[in-house]
Amino acid sequence: MAGVDETRSSERIPTAVEAQYEIHESMKGSFPFSDRKLTSNVIDISSTGCAILANVYIPKNVLLNMEINGTLFFPDDPQHVIKTTARVCNSRNISKDTYRLGVFFEKITKEDRDAIRHFVDGFERRKEKRVSLEPPNPPPAQG
């Protein structure tokens, strides 16, 4: 499929978790909202990046300090927060005051990356066709 998907190193799966983010210290002052922490929904994720719905435009190559709710990825630790430095790879206006940001995780702990990868792998396995142990229907009689 042409478009964004072909540049991804890992397949993303749909999700609905909350993320908070702010402009990275190295870029503070470049944006009118750079002194605020923003909250958005993560709409898909992989071990290498995610997409979020934002209500502000953030251009390509901007670094973000992100905190992603880790509940889905760390079921035994529902308070876990995934902390990452992420780079905006694309930013698309999808409706009035709503932007879809595709971000790449520049810095993330191995533990957090592995937890996301494990979650994605489990989701991928669930998408596979289930095997039936019942014999198939016999072919129609010829006659």
Protein backbone atom coordinates (compact mmCIF):
# COMPACT_ATOMS: atom_id res chain seq x y z
CA MET A 1 0.00 0.00 0.00
CA ALA A 2 1.37 3.41 -0.93
CA GLY A 3 1.70 6.16 1.64
CA VAL A 4 2.83 6.27 5.23
CA ASP A 5 2.75 2.50 5.82
CA GLU A 6 5.64 1.73 3.51
CA THR A 7 8.11 3.78 5.58
CA ARG A 8 7.38 2.03 8.86
CA SER A 9 9.87 -0.49 10.17
CA SER A 10 7.20 -2.20 12.32
CA GLU A 11 3.51 -2.80 11.81
CA ARG A 12 1.28 -0.70 14.04
CA ILE A 13 -1.87 -1.92 15.66
CA PRO A 14 -4.88 0.13 16.72
CA THR A 15 -5.10 1.15 20.35
CA ALA A 16 -6.78 3.68 22.58
CA VAL A 17 -4.48 4.89 25.34
CA GLU A 18 -3.72 8.37 26.58
CA ALA A 19 -0.42 10.17 26.11
CA GLN A 20 0.89 13.41 27.50
CA TYR A 21 3.62 15.25 25.68
CA GLU A 22 5.47 18.50 25.51
CA ILE A 23 8.02 20.07 23.21
CA HIS A 24 11.53 18.75 23.98
CA GLU A 25 13.80 21.10 25.96
CA SER A 26 16.02 21.61 22.90
CA MET A 27 13.10 23.20 21.03
CA LYS A 28 11.34 25.13 23.82
CA GLY A 29 10.34 28.63 22.82
CA SER A 30 9.81 27.72 19.17
CA PHE A 31 6.06 27.16 19.62
CA PRO A 32 3.37 29.20 21.39
CA PHE A 33 2.33 26.13 23.40
CA SER A 34 5.86 24.95 24.24
CA ASP A 35 5.42 25.75 27.93
CA ARG A 36 2.41 23.40 28.27
CA LYS A 37 1.95 19.66 28.58
CA LEU A 38 -0.63 18.45 26.05
CA THR A 39 -2.84 15.35 26.25
CA SER A 40 -3.93 13.23 23.27
CA ASN A 41 -5.06 9.74 22.38
CA VAL A 42 -2.65 7.22 20.90
CA ILE A 43 -4.58 5.67 18.00
CA ASP A 44 -2.03 3.09 16.90
CA ILE A 45 1.30 1.83 18.18
CA SER A 46 4.30 -0.36 17.45
CA SER A 47 7.57 -0.89 19.30
CA THR A 48 9.13 1.85 17.15
CA GLY A 49 6.46 4.55 17.15
CA CYS A 50 2.84 5.56 17.34
CA ALA A 51 0.20 7.89 15.97
CA ILE A 52 -1.60 10.41 18.12
CA LEU A 53 -4.50 12.76 17.54
CA ALA A 54 -3.44 16.27 18.49
CA ASN A 55 -5.37 19.52 18.62
CA VAL A 56 -2.31 21.56 17.60
CA TYR A 57 -0.12 21.37 14.53
CA ILE A 58 3.40 20.13 15.25
CA PRO A 59 5.68 19.99 12.21
CA LYS A 60 7.95 17.18 11.06
CA ASN A 61 11.23 16.63 12.96
CA VAL A 62 10.07 18.27 16.18
CA LEU A 63 11.12 16.33 19.28
CA LEU A 64 8.58 15.56 21.98
CA ASN A 65 8.91 14.31 25.53
CA MET A 66 6.09 11.76 25.74
CA GLU A 67 4.50 9.82 28.55
CA ILE A 68 2.19 7.02 27.42
CA ASN A 69 -0.23 5.29 29.77
CA GLY A 70 1.27 1.81 30.17
CA THR A 71 -1.83 -0.05 31.37
CA LEU A 72 -2.20 -2.15 28.19
CA PHE A 73 1.48 -2.96 28.01
CA PHE A 74 2.15 -3.65 31.71
CA PRO A 75 -1.02 -5.40 32.99
CA ASP A 76 0.72 -6.30 36.27
CA ASP A 77 1.66 -2.64 36.83
CA PRO A 78 -1.31 -0.44 35.82
CA GLN A 79 0.48 2.67 37.08
CA HIS A 80 3.42 2.21 34.69
CA VAL A 81 4.14 5.14 32.41
CA ILE A 82 6.17 4.68 29.23
CA LYS A 83 8.54 7.63 28.89
CA THR A 84 10.07 8.35 25.52
CA THR A 85 11.62 11.06 23.43
CA ALA A 86 9.81 10.95 20.10
CA ARG A 87 10.39 12.65 16.75
CA VAL A 88 7.41 13.76 14.65
CA CYS A 89 7.71 12.00 11.27
CA ASN A 90 4.51 13.37 9.77
CA SER A 91 1.67 15.67 10.70
CA ARG A 92 -1.62 15.67 8.80
CA ASN A 93 -4.68 17.84 9.28
CA ILE A 94 -7.62 15.41 9.39
CA SER A 95 -10.39 17.79 10.49
CA LYS A 96 -10.87 21.23 12.02
CA ASP A 97 -8.28 21.56 14.79
CA THR A 98 -7.35 17.85 14.68
CA TYR A 99 -3.99 16.58 13.45
CA ARG A 100 -2.70 13.04 13.13
CA LEU A 101 0.93 12.96 14.24
CA GLY A 102 3.09 9.98 13.35
CA VAL A 103 6.01 9.78 15.76
CA PHE A 104 9.14 7.64 16.01
CA PHE A 105 10.50 6.66 19.43
CA GLU A 106 14.03 8.10 19.45
CA LYS A 107 14.73 7.14 23.07
CA ILE A 108 12.81 4.47 24.95
CA THR A 109 13.90 1.90 27.51
CA LYS A 110 14.39 -1.67 26.38
CA GLU A 111 11.80 -2.76 28.97
CA ASP A 112 9.16 -0.42 27.52
CA ARG A 113 9.97 -1.31 23.88
CA ASP A 114 9.80 -5.04 24.72
CA ALA A 115 6.45 -4.62 26.51
CA ILE A 116 4.96 -2.81 23.51
CA ARG A 117 6.42 -5.45 21.14
CA HIS A 118 4.91 -8.24 23.28
CA PHE A 119 1.52 -6.51 23.20
CA VAL A 120 1.68 -6.03 19.41
CA ASP A 121 2.77 -9.64 18.85
CA GLY A 122 -0.17 -10.87 20.95
CA PHE A 123 -2.55 -8.72 18.94
CA GLU A 124 -1.11 -10.06 15.67
CA ARG A 125 -1.56 -13.65 16.82
CA ARG A 126 -5.20 -12.96 17.65
CA LYS A 127 -5.78 -11.69 14.09
CA GLU A 128 -4.73 -15.02 12.56
CA LYS A 129 -7.43 -17.38 11.36
CA ARG A 130 -8.35 -19.86 14.04
CA VAL A 131 -7.71 -23.50 13.21
CA SER A 132 -10.73 -25.75 13.25
CA LEU A 133 -10.40 -29.38 14.30
CA GLU A 134 -13.63 -30.36 12.57
CA PRO A 135 -13.28 -32.11 9.22
CA PRO A 136 -14.10 -29.98 6.18
CA ASN A 137 -17.38 -30.47 4.37
CA PRO A 138 -17.21 -33.29 1.81
CA PRO A 139 -17.12 -32.25 -1.84
CA PRO A 140 -20.51 -32.17 -3.60
CA ALA A 141 -21.59 -35.46 -5.18
CA GLN A 142 -21.06 -35.69 -8.92
CA GLY A 143 -23.61 -37.39 -10.92
